[in-house]
Amino acid sequence: MSDQYDVHPHTKVIRGPKRATYDRKLVHGIIDDALICHVGTVVNGRPAMIPTAHWRVGERIYIHGASKNRILAAIADGAEACLCVTHLDGLVMARSAFHHSANYRSVVIYGKGELVADDADKMEHSRLFTEKLEPGRWDHIRQPNKQELKATMFLGFDLDEVSAKVRDGDPVDDDEDYGWPVWAGVLPCATQWGTPIDDARITAGYEGKGHQRD
């Protein structure tokens, strides 16, 4: 397997091509480091999009939701989808309004989703999703019952038509603006987990034992 994804008509980056990358390992890292992606398709002739959790298994990205969700149902019925994963790493504050920007890492995926139909496979993907949220949690929680599995739709998408874009570093101003009397630079941005808050009905003995993510 190549360490680069093939470039397809959908995935060739036209705007800002110097920021484009098709590096397989980098794409995987951007997907894995995120908890939320946005999924878009066309439903009844109109564009529709939802944010949803995701996880990756090899060369596939998976999502899940209610079996009656109209967007997931349209994708399961054959509608092509677009998935986008984004990390905001900082605000780029330039000397001119035109050159303000953001440092970011993003992945865009095009494709058709394949329905996960087998209950055993759905159970396994329930486990994989839970383990992404907190490794080791699956063995301690009540696992899905048959009715809950029936009420949940799982879709997998091949990582085939995929591209990434990345921006990092300082603002890039016009030469004549570097002497402009204003601060310029990057305001870093990162997700930070707080102290776990106990459920109001926490079982005695489990107070203050919430997992703290890195």
N, C-alpha and C. Protein backbone atom coordinates (compact mmCIF):
# COMPACT_ATOMS: atom_id res chain seq x y z
N MET A 1 0.84 -1.20 0.00
CA MET A 1 0.00 0.00 0.00
C MET A 1 0.88 1.25 0.00
N SER A 2 0.56 2.19 -0.87
CA SER A 2 1.33 3.43 -0.96
C SER A 2 1.15 4.28 0.28
N ASP A 3 2.18 5.08 0.60
CA ASP A 3 2.05 5.99 1.74
C ASP A 3 1.33 7.28 1.36
N GLN A 4 0.86 7.36 0.09
CA GLN A 4 0.11 8.52 -0.39
C GLN A 4 -1.22 8.06 -0.97
N TYR A 5 -2.29 8.81 -0.71
CA TYR A 5 -3.57 8.55 -1.37
C TYR A 5 -3.52 9.05 -2.81
N ASP A 6 -4.21 8.35 -3.70
CA ASP A 6 -4.33 8.81 -5.08
C ASP A 6 -5.12 10.11 -5.13
N VAL A 7 -4.78 10.95 -6.10
CA VAL A 7 -5.51 12.21 -6.30
C VAL A 7 -6.63 11.97 -7.31
N HIS A 8 -7.86 12.26 -6.89
CA HIS A 8 -9.03 12.10 -7.74
C HIS A 8 -9.56 13.49 -8.12
N PRO A 9 -10.44 13.56 -9.13
CA PRO A 9 -11.01 14.87 -9.49
C PRO A 9 -11.66 15.58 -8.31
N HIS A 10 -12.35 14.84 -7.43
CA HIS A 10 -12.99 15.44 -6.26
C HIS A 10 -11.98 15.93 -5.24
N THR A 11 -10.82 15.28 -5.17
CA THR A 11 -9.91 15.53 -4.06
C THR A 11 -8.72 16.41 -4.43
N LYS A 12 -8.58 16.76 -5.69
CA LYS A 12 -7.48 17.65 -6.09
C LYS A 12 -7.75 19.05 -5.54
N VAL A 13 -6.85 19.52 -4.69
CA VAL A 13 -7.04 20.82 -4.04
C VAL A 13 -6.64 21.92 -5.02
N ILE A 14 -7.57 22.79 -5.32
CA ILE A 14 -7.33 23.88 -6.27
C ILE A 14 -6.94 25.16 -5.54
N ARG A 15 -7.68 25.50 -4.50
CA ARG A 15 -7.42 26.72 -3.73
C ARG A 15 -6.39 26.40 -2.65
N GLY A 16 -5.24 27.04 -2.70
CA GLY A 16 -4.19 26.79 -1.73
C GLY A 16 -3.54 25.43 -1.89
N PRO A 17 -3.14 25.04 -3.10
CA PRO A 17 -2.61 23.70 -3.32
C PRO A 17 -1.33 23.41 -2.54
N LYS A 18 -0.57 24.44 -2.15
CA LYS A 18 0.65 24.20 -1.37
C LYS A 18 0.33 23.68 0.03
N ARG A 19 -0.89 23.86 0.48
CA ARG A 19 -1.29 23.36 1.80
C ARG A 19 -1.88 21.96 1.73
N ALA A 20 -2.05 21.44 0.53
CA ALA A 20 -2.66 20.13 0.36
C ALA A 20 -1.65 19.03 0.65
N THR A 21 -2.16 17.93 1.18
CA THR A 21 -1.35 16.74 1.38
C THR A 21 -2.23 15.51 1.23
N TYR A 22 -1.65 14.46 0.69
CA TYR A 22 -2.35 13.20 0.52
C TYR A 22 -1.63 12.10 1.29
N ASP A 23 -0.82 12.50 2.26
CA ASP A 23 -0.04 11.57 3.06
C ASP A 23 -0.97 10.71 3.92
N ARG A 24 -0.88 9.42 3.76
CA ARG A 24 -1.80 8.49 4.42
C ARG A 24 -1.70 8.59 5.95
N LYS A 25 -0.48 8.60 6.47
CA LYS A 25 -0.28 8.64 7.91
C LYS A 25 -0.81 9.94 8.50
N LEU A 26 -0.58 11.05 7.82
CA LEU A 26 -1.07 12.34 8.32
C LEU A 26 -2.59 12.38 8.31
N VAL A 27 -3.20 11.86 7.24
CA VAL A 27 -4.67 11.82 7.17
C VAL A 27 -5.23 11.00 8.32
N HIS A 28 -4.65 9.84 8.57
CA HIS A 28 -5.11 9.00 9.68
C HIS A 28 -5.01 9.74 11.00
N GLY A 29 -3.90 10.46 11.21
CA GLY A 29 -3.71 11.17 12.46
C GLY A 29 -4.75 12.26 12.68
N ILE A 30 -5.07 13.00 11.62
CA ILE A 30 -6.08 14.06 11.72
C ILE A 30 -7.44 13.46 12.08
N ILE A 31 -7.79 12.35 11.44
CA ILE A 31 -9.06 11.69 11.73
C ILE A 31 -9.09 11.17 13.16
N ASP A 32 -8.02 10.49 13.57
CA ASP A 32 -8.00 9.84 14.89
C ASP A 32 -7.97 10.84 16.03
N ASP A 33 -7.35 11.99 15.82
CA ASP A 33 -7.23 12.99 16.88
C ASP A 33 -8.52 13.77 17.11
N ALA A 34 -9.48 13.63 16.21
CA ALA A 34 -10.75 14.36 16.31
C ALA A 34 -11.84 13.44 16.84
N LEU A 35 -12.81 14.02 17.53
CA LEU A 35 -13.97 13.28 18.01
C LEU A 35 -15.22 13.54 17.16
N ILE A 36 -15.23 14.65 16.41
CA ILE A 36 -16.41 15.05 15.66
C ILE A 36 -16.05 15.30 14.20
N CYS A 37 -16.90 14.83 13.30
CA CYS A 37 -16.81 15.20 11.90
C CYS A 37 -18.16 15.75 11.46
N HIS A 38 -18.18 16.39 10.31
CA HIS A 38 -19.43 16.87 9.72
C HIS A 38 -19.70 16.06 8.47
N VAL A 39 -20.94 15.61 8.34
CA VAL A 39 -21.34 14.72 7.24
C VAL A 39 -22.43 15.42 6.44
N GLY A 40 -22.20 15.56 5.15
CA GLY A 40 -23.17 16.23 4.29
C GLY A 40 -23.58 15.34 3.12
N THR A 41 -24.81 15.51 2.68
CA THR A 41 -25.32 14.83 1.50
C THR A 41 -26.53 15.61 0.98
N VAL A 42 -27.22 15.07 0.02
CA VAL A 42 -28.43 15.70 -0.51
C VAL A 42 -29.62 14.83 -0.12
N VAL A 43 -30.61 15.46 0.51
CA VAL A 43 -31.82 14.77 0.95
C VAL A 43 -33.02 15.46 0.32
N ASN A 44 -33.77 14.71 -0.47
CA ASN A 44 -34.96 15.28 -1.14
C ASN A 44 -34.63 16.54 -1.92
N GLY A 45 -33.48 16.52 -2.60
CA GLY A 45 -33.10 17.63 -3.46
C GLY A 45 -32.48 18.81 -2.75
N ARG A 46 -32.29 18.74 -1.43
CA ARG A 46 -31.73 19.85 -0.68
C ARG A 46 -30.48 19.39 0.07
N PRO A 47 -29.46 20.27 0.17
CA PRO A 47 -28.27 19.90 0.93
C PRO A 47 -28.59 19.79 2.41
N ALA A 48 -27.97 18.82 3.07
CA ALA A 48 -28.18 18.62 4.50
C ALA A 48 -26.87 18.16 5.13
N MET A 49 -26.65 18.57 6.38
CA MET A 49 -25.39 18.25 7.06
C MET A 49 -25.65 18.07 8.54
N ILE A 50 -24.88 17.16 9.16
CA ILE A 50 -24.95 16.97 10.60
C ILE A 50 -23.54 16.81 11.15
N PRO A 51 -23.32 17.26 12.40
CA PRO A 51 -22.09 16.90 13.10
C PRO A 51 -22.30 15.57 13.81
N THR A 52 -21.30 14.74 13.83
CA THR A 52 -21.45 13.45 14.49
C THR A 52 -20.09 12.90 14.89
N ALA A 53 -20.10 12.00 15.85
CA ALA A 53 -18.86 11.34 16.27
C ALA A 53 -18.42 10.33 15.20
N HIS A 54 -17.13 10.03 15.18
CA HIS A 54 -16.60 9.09 14.20
C HIS A 54 -15.44 8.31 14.79
N TRP A 55 -15.07 7.24 14.12
CA TRP A 55 -13.89 6.47 14.49
C TRP A 55 -13.38 5.80 13.22
N ARG A 56 -12.11 5.40 13.25
CA ARG A 56 -11.47 4.81 12.07
C ARG A 56 -11.02 3.39 12.37
N VAL A 57 -11.20 2.53 11.37
CA VAL A 57 -10.66 1.17 11.43
C VAL A 57 -9.91 0.95 10.12
N GLY A 58 -8.60 0.95 10.17
CA GLY A 58 -7.82 0.77 8.95
C GLY A 58 -8.13 1.86 7.93
N GLU A 59 -8.56 1.45 6.74
CA GLU A 59 -8.85 2.39 5.66
C GLU A 59 -10.35 2.70 5.56
N ARG A 60 -11.01 2.72 6.73
CA ARG A 60 -12.42 3.09 6.75
C ARG A 60 -12.70 4.02 7.92
N ILE A 61 -13.61 4.96 7.70
CA ILE A 61 -14.10 5.82 8.77
C ILE A 61 -15.57 5.46 8.99
N TYR A 62 -15.98 5.42 10.26
CA TYR A 62 -17.33 5.00 10.62
C TYR A 62 -18.05 6.10 11.38
N ILE A 63 -19.38 6.14 11.19
CA ILE A 63 -20.25 7.02 11.96
C ILE A 63 -21.47 6.21 12.38
N HIS A 64 -22.24 6.74 13.33
CA HIS A 64 -23.47 6.07 13.72
C HIS A 64 -24.47 7.09 14.21
N GLY A 65 -25.74 6.66 14.24
CA GLY A 65 -26.81 7.55 14.69
C GLY A 65 -28.12 6.79 14.70
N ALA A 66 -29.20 7.52 14.91
CA ALA A 66 -30.52 6.90 14.96
C ALA A 66 -30.87 6.27 13.61
N SER A 67 -31.48 5.10 13.65
CA SER A 67 -31.84 4.41 12.41
C SER A 67 -32.79 5.22 11.54
N LYS A 68 -33.56 6.12 12.16
CA LYS A 68 -34.52 6.93 11.40
C LYS A 68 -33.97 8.29 11.02
N ASN A 69 -32.68 8.54 11.27
CA ASN A 69 -32.07 9.81 10.86
C ASN A 69 -32.13 9.94 9.34
N ARG A 70 -32.70 11.04 8.86
CA ARG A 70 -32.95 11.17 7.42
C ARG A 70 -31.67 11.28 6.61
N ILE A 71 -30.63 11.88 7.17
CA ILE A 71 -29.37 12.00 6.44
C ILE A 71 -28.68 10.65 6.35
N LEU A 72 -28.61 9.93 7.47
CA LEU A 72 -27.99 8.62 7.44
C LEU A 72 -28.79 7.67 6.55
N ALA A 73 -30.11 7.79 6.61
CA ALA A 73 -30.96 6.93 5.77
C ALA A 73 -30.72 7.19 4.29
N ALA A 74 -30.54 8.46 3.92
CA ALA A 74 -30.28 8.78 2.51
C ALA A 74 -28.94 8.19 2.07
N ILE A 75 -27.94 8.28 2.94
CA ILE A 75 -26.62 7.71 2.60
C ILE A 75 -26.71 6.19 2.50
N ALA A 76 -27.43 5.57 3.43
CA ALA A 76 -27.59 4.12 3.39
C ALA A 76 -28.33 3.68 2.13
N ASP A 77 -29.14 4.58 1.58
CA ASP A 77 -29.91 4.28 0.38
C ASP A 77 -29.12 4.56 -0.90
N GLY A 78 -27.85 5.00 -0.74
CA GLY A 78 -26.98 5.17 -1.91
C GLY A 78 -26.53 6.58 -2.22
N ALA A 79 -26.99 7.58 -1.47
CA ALA A 79 -26.57 8.96 -1.74
C ALA A 79 -25.10 9.14 -1.41
N GLU A 80 -24.39 9.83 -2.28
CA GLU A 80 -22.97 10.12 -2.02
C GLU A 80 -22.86 11.12 -0.89
N ALA A 81 -21.83 10.97 -0.08
CA ALA A 81 -21.65 11.84 1.08
C ALA A 81 -20.29 12.52 1.03
N CYS A 82 -20.19 13.58 1.80
CA CYS A 82 -18.92 14.27 2.01
C CYS A 82 -18.73 14.39 3.52
N LEU A 83 -17.57 13.95 4.02
CA LEU A 83 -17.25 14.04 5.45
C LEU A 83 -16.06 14.97 5.62
N CYS A 84 -16.13 15.81 6.64
CA CYS A 84 -15.05 16.76 6.90
C CYS A 84 -14.66 16.72 8.37
N VAL A 85 -13.37 16.58 8.62
CA VAL A 85 -12.80 16.59 9.96
C VAL A 85 -11.87 17.80 10.05
N THR A 86 -12.01 18.60 11.11
CA THR A 86 -11.23 19.84 11.22
C THR A 86 -10.70 20.04 12.62
N HIS A 87 -9.44 20.46 12.71
CA HIS A 87 -8.84 20.92 13.95
C HIS A 87 -8.44 22.38 13.78
N LEU A 88 -8.88 23.25 14.69
CA LEU A 88 -8.41 24.63 14.72
C LEU A 88 -7.23 24.71 15.67
N ASP A 89 -6.05 25.06 15.15
CA ASP A 89 -4.84 25.09 15.95
C ASP A 89 -4.42 26.50 16.37
N GLY A 90 -4.99 27.51 15.74
CA GLY A 90 -4.63 28.87 16.15
C GLY A 90 -5.22 29.90 15.20
N LEU A 91 -5.35 31.13 15.70
CA LEU A 91 -5.76 32.25 14.87
C LEU A 91 -4.50 33.00 14.42
N VAL A 92 -4.42 33.27 13.14
CA VAL A 92 -3.26 33.94 12.57
C VAL A 92 -3.58 35.42 12.42
N MET A 93 -2.95 36.22 13.26
CA MET A 93 -3.24 37.66 13.31
C MET A 93 -2.18 38.41 12.52
N ALA A 94 -2.58 38.92 11.37
CA ALA A 94 -1.66 39.59 10.46
C ALA A 94 -1.69 41.10 10.67
N ARG A 95 -0.88 41.80 9.90
CA ARG A 95 -0.82 43.27 9.97
C ARG A 95 -1.88 43.90 9.09
N SER A 96 -2.38 43.14 8.14
CA SER A 96 -3.44 43.63 7.26
C SER A 96 -4.66 42.74 7.43
N ALA A 97 -5.84 43.32 7.22
CA ALA A 97 -7.07 42.54 7.34
C ALA A 97 -7.08 41.37 6.37
N PHE A 98 -6.57 41.57 5.18
CA PHE A 98 -6.65 40.56 4.13
C PHE A 98 -5.90 39.29 4.49
N HIS A 99 -4.82 39.39 5.24
CA HIS A 99 -3.97 38.24 5.51
C HIS A 99 -4.23 37.56 6.86
N HIS A 100 -5.29 37.98 7.57
CA HIS A 100 -5.68 37.22 8.75
C HIS A 100 -6.14 35.82 8.31
N SER A 101 -5.82 34.82 9.11
CA SER A 101 -6.11 33.44 8.71
C SER A 101 -6.23 32.57 9.95
N ALA A 102 -6.08 31.28 9.76
CA ALA A 102 -6.10 30.31 10.86
C ALA A 102 -5.10 29.21 10.56
N ASN A 103 -4.50 28.70 11.61
CA ASN A 103 -3.73 27.47 11.50
C ASN A 103 -4.67 26.31 11.76
N TYR A 104 -4.65 25.32 10.91
CA TYR A 104 -5.63 24.25 10.99
C TYR A 104 -5.08 22.98 10.36
N ARG A 105 -5.77 21.86 10.65
CA ARG A 105 -5.56 20.58 9.98
C ARG A 105 -6.95 20.06 9.61
N SER A 106 -7.14 19.69 8.38
CA SER A 106 -8.46 19.23 7.96
C SER A 106 -8.34 18.09 6.96
N VAL A 107 -9.37 17.26 6.96
CA VAL A 107 -9.49 16.15 6.01
C VAL A 107 -10.89 16.18 5.41
N VAL A 108 -10.97 16.00 4.11
CA VAL A 108 -12.26 15.88 3.42
C VAL A 108 -12.31 14.53 2.72
N ILE A 109 -13.43 13.83 2.89
CA ILE A 109 -13.61 12.48 2.34
C ILE A 109 -14.89 12.46 1.51
N TYR A 110 -14.81 11.92 0.31
CA TYR A 110 -15.99 11.71 -0.52
C TYR A 110 -16.23 10.21 -0.67
N GLY A 111 -17.49 9.83 -0.74
CA GLY A 111 -17.77 8.42 -0.98
C GLY A 111 -19.19 8.04 -0.61
N LYS A 112 -19.49 6.78 -0.80
CA LYS A 112 -20.79 6.22 -0.43
C LYS A 112 -20.62 5.36 0.81
N GLY A 113 -21.57 5.45 1.71
CA GLY A 113 -21.49 4.69 2.94
C GLY A 113 -22.04 3.29 2.80
N GLU A 114 -21.41 2.36 3.48
CA GLU A 114 -21.90 0.98 3.50
C GLU A 114 -22.53 0.69 4.86
N LEU A 115 -23.75 0.19 4.83
CA LEU A 115 -24.49 -0.10 6.06
C LEU A 115 -23.88 -1.31 6.77
N VAL A 116 -23.68 -1.16 8.08
CA VAL A 116 -23.28 -2.29 8.91
C VAL A 116 -24.56 -2.96 9.39
N ALA A 117 -24.83 -4.17 8.91
CA ALA A 117 -26.13 -4.80 9.16
C ALA A 117 -26.09 -5.87 10.25
N ASP A 118 -25.00 -6.60 10.36
CA ASP A 118 -24.91 -7.71 11.29
C ASP A 118 -24.83 -7.21 12.73
N ASP A 119 -25.63 -7.81 13.62
CA ASP A 119 -25.65 -7.36 15.01
C ASP A 119 -24.29 -7.52 15.69
N ALA A 120 -23.57 -8.58 15.37
CA ALA A 120 -22.25 -8.78 15.97
C ALA A 120 -21.29 -7.67 15.54
N ASP A 121 -21.37 -7.27 14.26
CA ASP A 121 -20.53 -6.18 13.78
C ASP A 121 -20.93 -4.85 14.40
N LYS A 122 -22.24 -4.64 14.57
CA LYS A 122 -22.71 -3.42 15.22
C LYS A 122 -22.25 -3.35 16.67
N MET A 123 -22.25 -4.47 17.34
CA MET A 123 -21.76 -4.52 18.71
C MET A 123 -20.27 -4.19 18.77
N GLU A 124 -19.52 -4.71 17.82
CA GLU A 124 -18.09 -4.43 17.79
C GLU A 124 -17.82 -2.95 17.54
N HIS A 125 -18.60 -2.34 16.66
CA HIS A 125 -18.41 -0.91 16.41
C HIS A 125 -18.88 -0.06 17.59
N SER A 126 -19.86 -0.54 18.33
CA SER A 126 -20.22 0.12 19.58
C SER A 126 -19.03 0.12 20.53
N ARG A 127 -18.35 -1.01 20.58
CA ARG A 127 -17.17 -1.12 21.44
C ARG A 127 -16.04 -0.18 20.97
N LEU A 128 -15.79 -0.18 19.67
CA LEU A 128 -14.71 0.67 19.14
C LEU A 128 -14.98 2.14 19.41
N PHE A 129 -16.25 2.55 19.23
CA PHE A 129 -16.61 3.95 19.51
C PHE A 129 -16.40 4.29 20.98
N THR A 130 -16.87 3.41 21.86
CA THR A 130 -16.73 3.66 23.30
C THR A 130 -15.27 3.69 23.71
N GLU A 131 -14.48 2.78 23.15
CA GLU A 131 -13.06 2.72 23.50
C GLU A 131 -12.30 3.94 23.00
N LYS A 132 -12.79 4.57 21.92
CA LYS A 132 -12.16 5.81 21.48
C LYS A 132 -12.41 6.92 22.50
N LEU A 133 -13.60 6.94 23.08
CA LEU A 133 -13.92 7.96 24.08
C LEU A 133 -13.08 7.77 25.34
N GLU A 134 -12.96 6.52 25.78
CA GLU A 134 -12.16 6.20 26.97
C GLU A 134 -11.70 4.75 26.90
N PRO A 135 -10.43 4.52 26.61
CA PRO A 135 -9.93 3.14 26.56
C PRO A 135 -10.21 2.39 27.86
N GLY A 136 -10.77 1.18 27.74
CA GLY A 136 -11.06 0.34 28.89
C GLY A 136 -12.47 0.47 29.43
N ARG A 137 -13.23 1.45 28.95
CA ARG A 137 -14.57 1.70 29.52
C ARG A 137 -15.58 0.61 29.13
N TRP A 138 -15.41 0.03 27.95
CA TRP A 138 -16.38 -0.94 27.45
C TRP A 138 -16.62 -2.09 28.43
N ASP A 139 -15.58 -2.53 29.09
CA ASP A 139 -15.69 -3.67 29.99
C ASP A 139 -16.43 -3.36 31.28
N HIS A 140 -16.75 -2.08 31.53
CA HIS A 140 -17.38 -1.70 32.79
C HIS A 140 -18.80 -1.17 32.63
N ILE A 141 -19.24 -0.95 31.41
CA ILE A 141 -20.56 -0.37 31.19
C ILE A 141 -21.55 -1.44 30.73
N ARG A 142 -22.86 -1.12 30.82
CA ARG A 142 -23.86 -2.03 30.24
C ARG A 142 -23.80 -1.90 28.73
N GLN A 143 -23.66 -3.00 28.07
CA GLN A 143 -23.51 -2.99 26.62
C GLN A 143 -24.87 -2.98 25.93
N PRO A 144 -24.93 -2.58 24.66
CA PRO A 144 -26.22 -2.42 23.98
C PRO A 144 -27.02 -3.71 23.93
N ASN A 145 -28.34 -3.57 24.09
CA ASN A 145 -29.22 -4.73 23.93
C ASN A 145 -29.73 -4.77 22.48
N LYS A 146 -30.50 -5.80 22.17
CA LYS A 146 -30.95 -6.00 20.79
C LYS A 146 -31.78 -4.83 20.28
N GLN A 147 -32.64 -4.29 21.14
CA GLN A 147 -33.49 -3.17 20.73
C GLN A 147 -32.65 -1.94 20.44
N GLU A 148 -31.63 -1.70 21.27
CA GLU A 148 -30.76 -0.54 21.06
C GLU A 148 -29.94 -0.68 19.78
N LEU A 149 -29.47 -1.88 19.51
CA LEU A 149 -28.75 -2.10 18.25
C LEU A 149 -29.65 -1.86 17.05
N LYS A 150 -30.91 -2.30 17.15
CA LYS A 150 -31.86 -2.10 16.05
C LYS A 150 -32.13 -0.61 15.83
N ALA A 151 -32.10 0.17 16.90
CA ALA A 151 -32.40 1.60 16.80
C ALA A 151 -31.20 2.43 16.33
N THR A 152 -30.05 1.78 16.15
CA THR A 152 -28.83 2.49 15.78
C THR A 152 -28.34 2.06 14.41
N MET A 153 -28.01 3.05 13.57
CA MET A 153 -27.47 2.78 12.24
C MET A 153 -25.97 3.06 12.25
N PHE A 154 -25.20 2.14 11.70
CA PHE A 154 -23.76 2.30 11.55
C PHE A 154 -23.42 2.33 10.06
N LEU A 155 -22.59 3.28 9.66
CA LEU A 155 -22.18 3.41 8.27
C LEU A 155 -20.66 3.49 8.20
N GLY A 156 -20.07 2.79 7.23
CA GLY A 156 -18.64 2.85 7.01
C GLY A 156 -18.32 3.44 5.64
N PHE A 157 -17.26 4.24 5.56
CA PHE A 157 -16.84 4.87 4.31
C PHE A 157 -15.38 4.53 4.03
N ASP A 158 -15.10 4.08 2.81
CA ASP A 158 -13.72 3.82 2.44
C ASP A 158 -12.93 5.11 2.35
N LEU A 159 -11.70 5.07 2.84
CA LEU A 159 -10.79 6.20 2.68
C LEU A 159 -10.10 6.03 1.32
N ASP A 160 -10.80 6.48 0.31
CA ASP A 160 -10.31 6.38 -1.07
C ASP A 160 -10.17 7.77 -1.67
N GLU A 161 -11.30 8.46 -1.80
CA GLU A 161 -11.27 9.83 -2.31
C GLU A 161 -11.11 10.77 -1.12
N VAL A 162 -9.88 11.06 -0.78
CA VAL A 162 -9.58 11.78 0.45
C VAL A 162 -8.42 12.74 0.23
N SER A 163 -8.47 13.89 0.89
CA SER A 163 -7.37 14.85 0.85
C SER A 163 -7.30 15.57 2.19
N ALA A 164 -6.16 16.14 2.48
CA ALA A 164 -5.97 16.93 3.69
C ALA A 164 -5.39 18.29 3.32
N LYS A 165 -5.70 19.27 4.16
CA LYS A 165 -5.06 20.59 4.04
C LYS A 165 -4.57 20.99 5.42
N VAL A 166 -3.40 21.60 5.45
CA VAL A 166 -2.78 22.01 6.70
C VAL A 166 -2.18 23.39 6.53
N ARG A 167 -2.44 24.27 7.50
CA ARG A 167 -1.74 25.55 7.57
C ARG A 167 -1.11 25.67 8.94
N ASP A 168 0.15 26.08 8.98
CA ASP A 168 0.80 26.38 10.25
C ASP A 168 1.78 27.53 10.04
N GLY A 169 2.30 28.05 11.14
CA GLY A 169 3.29 29.10 11.04
C GLY A 169 2.73 30.51 11.13
N ASP A 170 3.59 31.46 10.88
CA ASP A 170 3.30 32.89 11.06
C ASP A 170 2.38 33.43 9.98
N PRO A 171 1.83 34.64 10.22
CA PRO A 171 1.12 35.33 9.14
C PRO A 171 2.09 35.67 8.02
N VAL A 172 1.56 35.78 6.83
CA VAL A 172 2.36 36.16 5.67
C VAL A 172 1.81 37.49 5.16
N ASP A 173 2.50 38.56 5.51
CA ASP A 173 2.06 39.90 5.11
C ASP A 173 2.78 40.36 3.85
N ASP A 174 2.23 41.39 3.24
CA ASP A 174 2.93 42.04 2.14
C ASP A 174 4.16 42.75 2.69
N ASP A 175 5.23 42.79 1.90
CA ASP A 175 6.50 43.36 2.37
C ASP A 175 6.33 44.76 2.95
N GLU A 176 5.50 45.57 2.32
CA GLU A 176 5.35 46.96 2.77
C GLU A 176 4.58 47.07 4.09
N ASP A 177 3.95 45.97 4.55
CA ASP A 177 3.17 46.02 5.78
C ASP A 177 3.93 45.55 7.01
N TYR A 178 5.14 45.02 6.85
CA TYR A 178 5.84 44.46 8.01
C TYR A 178 6.22 45.53 9.03
N GLY A 179 6.24 46.76 8.64
CA GLY A 179 6.52 47.84 9.58
C GLY A 179 5.28 48.46 10.18
N TRP A 180 4.11 47.92 9.87
CA TRP A 180 2.85 48.48 10.38
C TRP A 180 2.81 48.35 11.91
N PRO A 181 2.43 49.43 12.62
CA PRO A 181 2.52 49.46 14.09
C PRO A 181 1.38 48.71 14.79
N VAL A 182 1.40 47.37 14.71
CA VAL A 182 0.40 46.55 15.37
C VAL A 182 1.02 45.18 15.66
N TRP A 183 0.54 44.54 16.74
CA TRP A 183 1.05 43.20 17.05
C TRP A 183 0.59 42.22 15.99
N ALA A 184 1.46 41.28 15.63
CA ALA A 184 1.12 40.23 14.68
C ALA A 184 1.70 38.92 15.20
N GLY A 185 1.02 37.83 14.90
CA GLY A 185 1.50 36.52 15.35
C GLY A 185 0.37 35.52 15.36
N VAL A 186 0.48 34.49 16.19
CA VAL A 186 -0.49 33.40 16.25
C VAL A 186 -1.05 33.27 17.66
N LEU A 187 -2.37 33.19 17.77
CA LEU A 187 -3.03 32.89 19.03
C LEU A 187 -3.33 31.40 19.05
N PRO A 188 -2.55 30.59 19.77
CA PRO A 188 -2.76 29.13 19.75
C PRO A 188 -4.13 28.75 20.30
N CYS A 189 -4.65 27.66 19.78
CA CYS A 189 -5.95 27.14 20.21
C CYS A 189 -5.83 25.63 20.36
N ALA A 190 -6.33 25.09 21.49
CA ALA A 190 -6.26 23.65 21.72
C ALA A 190 -7.43 23.21 22.58
N THR A 191 -7.90 21.98 22.37
CA THR A 191 -8.93 21.41 23.22
C THR A 191 -8.33 21.01 24.55
N GLN A 192 -8.98 21.41 25.63
CA GLN A 192 -8.49 21.08 26.97
C GLN A 192 -9.63 20.49 27.78
N TRP A 193 -9.41 19.31 28.36
CA TRP A 193 -10.43 18.65 29.16
C TRP A 193 -10.40 19.16 30.59
N GLY A 194 -11.57 19.40 31.14
CA GLY A 194 -11.67 19.88 32.51
C GLY A 194 -11.80 18.73 33.51
N THR A 195 -12.00 19.10 34.75
CA THR A 195 -12.18 18.11 35.81
C THR A 195 -13.55 17.44 35.65
N PRO A 196 -13.62 16.10 35.66
CA PRO A 196 -14.91 15.41 35.51
C PRO A 196 -15.92 15.85 36.57
N ILE A 197 -17.17 15.98 36.16
CA ILE A 197 -18.27 16.38 37.05
C ILE A 197 -19.16 15.16 37.28
N ASP A 198 -19.33 14.77 38.54
CA ASP A 198 -20.14 13.59 38.86
C ASP A 198 -21.59 13.77 38.43
N ASP A 199 -22.20 12.70 37.93
CA ASP A 199 -23.63 12.64 37.69
C ASP A 199 -24.35 12.87 39.02
N ALA A 200 -25.48 13.58 38.97
CA ALA A 200 -26.22 13.87 40.19
C ALA A 200 -26.69 12.60 40.90
N ARG A 201 -26.80 11.49 40.16
CA ARG A 201 -27.25 10.23 40.74
C ARG A 201 -26.12 9.20 40.75
N ILE A 202 -24.90 9.66 40.95
CA ILE A 202 -23.74 8.77 40.94
C ILE A 202 -23.88 7.70 42.02
N THR A 203 -23.48 6.48 41.70
CA THR A 203 -23.50 5.39 42.66
C THR A 203 -22.49 5.65 43.77
N ALA A 204 -22.88 5.41 45.01
CA ALA A 204 -21.98 5.62 46.14
C ALA A 204 -20.69 4.84 45.95
N GLY A 205 -19.57 5.51 46.22
CA GLY A 205 -18.27 4.89 46.07
C GLY A 205 -17.57 5.24 44.78
N TYR A 206 -18.34 5.85 43.81
CA TYR A 206 -17.74 6.20 42.53
C TYR A 206 -17.55 7.73 42.40
N GLU A 207 -17.81 8.45 43.45
CA GLU A 207 -17.65 9.90 43.42
C GLU A 207 -16.20 10.27 43.10
N GLY A 208 -16.06 11.24 42.21
CA GLY A 208 -14.72 11.76 41.90
C GLY A 208 -13.83 10.81 41.15
N LYS A 209 -14.43 9.77 40.51
CA LYS A 209 -13.62 8.79 39.83
C LYS A 209 -13.77 8.86 38.31
N GLY A 210 -14.24 10.00 37.82
CA GLY A 210 -14.35 10.18 36.38
C GLY A 210 -13.00 10.17 35.71
N HIS A 211 -12.94 9.64 34.50
CA HIS A 211 -11.70 9.57 33.75
C HIS A 211 -11.29 10.97 33.32
N GLN A 212 -10.03 11.32 33.46
CA GLN A 212 -9.50 12.59 32.96
C GLN A 212 -8.63 12.31 31.74
N ARG A 213 -9.12 12.75 30.59
CA ARG A 213 -8.40 12.53 29.33
C ARG A 213 -7.14 13.36 29.27
N ASP A 214 -6.19 12.88 28.49
CA ASP A 214 -4.96 13.65 28.28
C ASP A 214 -5.26 14.88 27.44
